[in-house]
Protein backbone atom coordinates (compact mmCIF):
# COMPACT_ATOMS: atom_id res chain seq x y z
CA MET A 1 37.19 167.95 -23.14
CA ASP A 2 39.19 165.00 -24.43
CA SER A 3 42.60 164.20 -22.93
CA ALA A 4 44.63 165.38 -25.96
CA ILE A 5 43.02 168.84 -25.81
CA ALA A 6 43.45 168.99 -22.02
CA GLN A 7 47.16 168.07 -22.31
CA SER A 8 47.66 170.69 -25.03
CA ALA A 9 45.91 173.37 -22.95
CA SER A 10 48.02 172.57 -19.88
CA ALA A 11 51.22 172.81 -21.96
CA VAL A 12 50.20 176.28 -23.18
CA ALA A 13 49.11 177.58 -19.75
CA PRO A 14 51.54 176.30 -17.09
CA GLN A 15 50.50 176.49 -13.44
CA GLY A 16 53.41 178.68 -12.34
CA ILE A 17 54.11 179.60 -8.73
CA ALA A 18 51.72 181.58 -6.53
CA PRO A 19 53.51 184.51 -4.87
CA ASN A 20 53.47 184.68 -1.07
CA LEU A 21 55.26 188.01 -0.43
CA PHE A 22 53.75 191.35 -1.47
CA GLU A 23 55.64 194.63 -1.03
CA LEU A 24 53.57 197.67 -1.99
CA HIS A 25 53.71 201.41 -1.51
CA ASN A 26 52.76 204.88 -2.64
CA ARG A 27 54.05 208.31 -1.55
CA ARG A 28 52.38 208.02 1.89
CA ILE A 29 52.17 204.31 2.69
CA SER A 30 54.35 201.21 2.66
CA VAL A 31 52.89 197.73 3.19
CA SER A 32 54.55 194.34 3.26
CA PHE A 33 52.43 191.18 3.51
CA SER A 34 53.86 187.69 3.79
CA ALA A 35 51.24 184.96 3.51
CA THR A 36 53.45 182.67 5.57
CA SER A 37 56.48 182.86 7.83
CA ILE A 38 58.85 180.51 9.61
CA THR A 39 56.13 180.03 12.26
CA GLY A 40 53.51 179.34 9.58
CA GLN A 41 51.62 182.54 10.42
CA PRO A 42 51.02 185.47 8.08
CA LEU A 43 52.90 188.73 8.74
CA MET A 44 51.97 192.27 7.75
CA ASP A 45 53.94 195.47 8.24
CA TYR A 46 52.16 198.77 7.61
CA LYS A 47 53.69 202.23 7.88
CA ASP A 48 52.52 205.78 7.20
CA ARG A 49 53.32 209.05 8.95
CA ASN A 50 50.73 208.37 11.72
CA HIS A 51 50.83 204.58 12.10
CA GLU A 52 53.39 201.81 12.29
CA VAL A 53 51.78 198.40 12.75
CA HIS A 54 53.48 194.99 12.78
CA ALA A 55 50.70 192.39 12.71
CA ARG A 56 50.93 188.61 12.78
CA GLY A 57 48.69 185.57 12.97
CA ASP A 58 45.17 186.29 14.23
CA GLU A 59 45.77 190.05 14.07
CA ILE A 60 45.47 189.66 10.28
CA ARG A 61 42.14 188.79 8.66
CA VAL A 62 42.41 187.12 5.23
CA GLU A 63 39.40 186.59 2.95
CA LYS A 64 39.63 185.10 -0.56
CA THR A 65 37.06 186.73 -2.85
CA GLU A 66 36.37 187.00 -6.56
CA ILE A 67 38.17 190.35 -6.74
CA GLY A 68 41.29 189.01 -5.01
CA THR A 69 42.43 188.31 -1.49
CA LEU A 70 41.43 190.91 1.09
CA VAL A 71 43.98 191.27 3.90
CA THR A 72 42.81 193.46 6.80
CA ILE A 73 44.55 194.81 9.90
CA THR A 74 43.46 197.24 12.60
CA LEU A 75 45.35 200.55 12.62
CA GLU A 76 43.31 202.11 15.43
CA PRO A 77 41.13 199.96 17.71
CA ASP A 78 37.56 200.90 18.64
CA ALA A 79 37.52 204.18 20.50
CA ASP A 80 35.34 207.26 20.72
CA ALA A 81 36.47 208.26 17.22
CA GLY A 82 35.79 204.73 15.93
CA ALA A 83 38.04 202.01 14.60
CA LEU A 84 40.35 202.46 11.61
CA LEU A 85 41.03 199.39 9.48
CA PHE A 86 43.33 198.96 6.48
CA THR A 87 42.52 196.37 3.83
CA LEU A 88 45.01 195.42 1.13
CA VAL A 89 43.46 193.99 -2.03
CA ILE A 90 45.84 191.38 -3.44
CA PRO A 91 45.08 190.46 -7.06
CA ARG A 92 45.71 186.96 -8.35
CA ALA A 93 49.20 186.64 -9.82
CA VAL A 94 51.53 183.90 -10.99
CA LEU A 95 55.31 183.69 -11.13
CA ALA A 96 57.21 181.80 -13.83
CA ALA A 97 59.95 180.73 -11.39
CA PRO A 98 60.74 180.99 -7.65
CA ARG A 99 63.20 183.91 -7.92
CA VAL A 100 61.08 186.00 -10.27
CA GLU A 101 59.24 189.16 -9.17
CA GLN A 102 55.94 190.30 -10.67
CA ALA A 103 55.02 193.98 -10.72
CA LEU A 104 51.61 194.67 -9.13
CA ALA A 105 49.20 197.60 -9.11
CA THR A 106 46.35 197.41 -6.61
CA VAL A 107 44.44 199.35 -3.97
CA GLY A 108 44.28 199.68 -0.22
CA ILE A 109 41.06 200.60 1.54
CA PHE A 110 40.85 202.51 4.81
CA THR A 111 37.60 201.86 6.68
CA ARG A 112 36.58 204.21 9.47
CA SER A 113 33.86 202.72 11.69
CA ARG A 114 31.98 204.73 14.26
CA LEU A 115 29.29 204.13 16.82
CA PRO A 116 25.76 205.40 16.19
CA PRO A 117 25.49 209.01 17.43
CA ARG A 118 22.47 208.05 19.57
CA LEU A 119 19.65 205.54 19.59
CA ASN A 120 16.81 205.76 17.05
CA VAL A 121 18.88 207.84 14.60
CA SER A 122 19.70 206.77 11.05
CA ALA A 123 23.39 207.09 10.18
CA GLN A 124 26.11 205.66 7.95
CA LEU A 125 28.49 203.90 10.32
CA GLN A 126 31.40 203.24 7.96
CA THR A 127 33.28 205.43 5.49
CA TYR A 128 35.98 204.40 3.00
CA ASP A 129 39.10 205.95 1.52
CA VAL A 130 40.71 204.08 -1.39
CA VAL A 131 44.41 204.55 -2.22
CA GLN A 132 46.45 203.30 -5.18
CA LEU A 133 49.46 201.08 -4.41
CA SER A 134 52.19 199.55 -6.55
CA GLY A 135 55.10 197.25 -5.96
CA ASN A 136 56.07 193.62 -6.38
CA ALA A 137 54.93 190.09 -5.64
CA SER A 138 57.48 187.34 -5.12
CA PHE A 139 57.89 183.90 -3.64
CA ILE A 140 59.97 183.25 -0.52
CA VAL A 141 60.71 179.95 1.15
CA SER A 142 59.98 180.07 4.87
């Protein structure tokens, strides 16, 4: 691509600002994820009628994928019933200015993991429940 076309394309499609705060909910769940904080660590607050989790730093697993950023926390640690994880799928978004909010619609995925019932038995060890979430993405200075 020659430089004139590249300059024209960049003028039409500005970079914008990547949001770093995501506040999402549905009738049962509210989730707030901040990609950074004053300490430089990510923060995630999750609440439903059975769980209230405030995670930070290494308690949050973040994976960038082609379908968006997957942000996972543990709601229930490994136990006899198995672990319960919550993964928020954050779609790519861009903000026109720092104080602008962008509406988002996405999903959260609950993953229930369990131990094999006994040795030498075939079994599915994870099940999934997908929920719809909506809310806003914004940019905060930390």
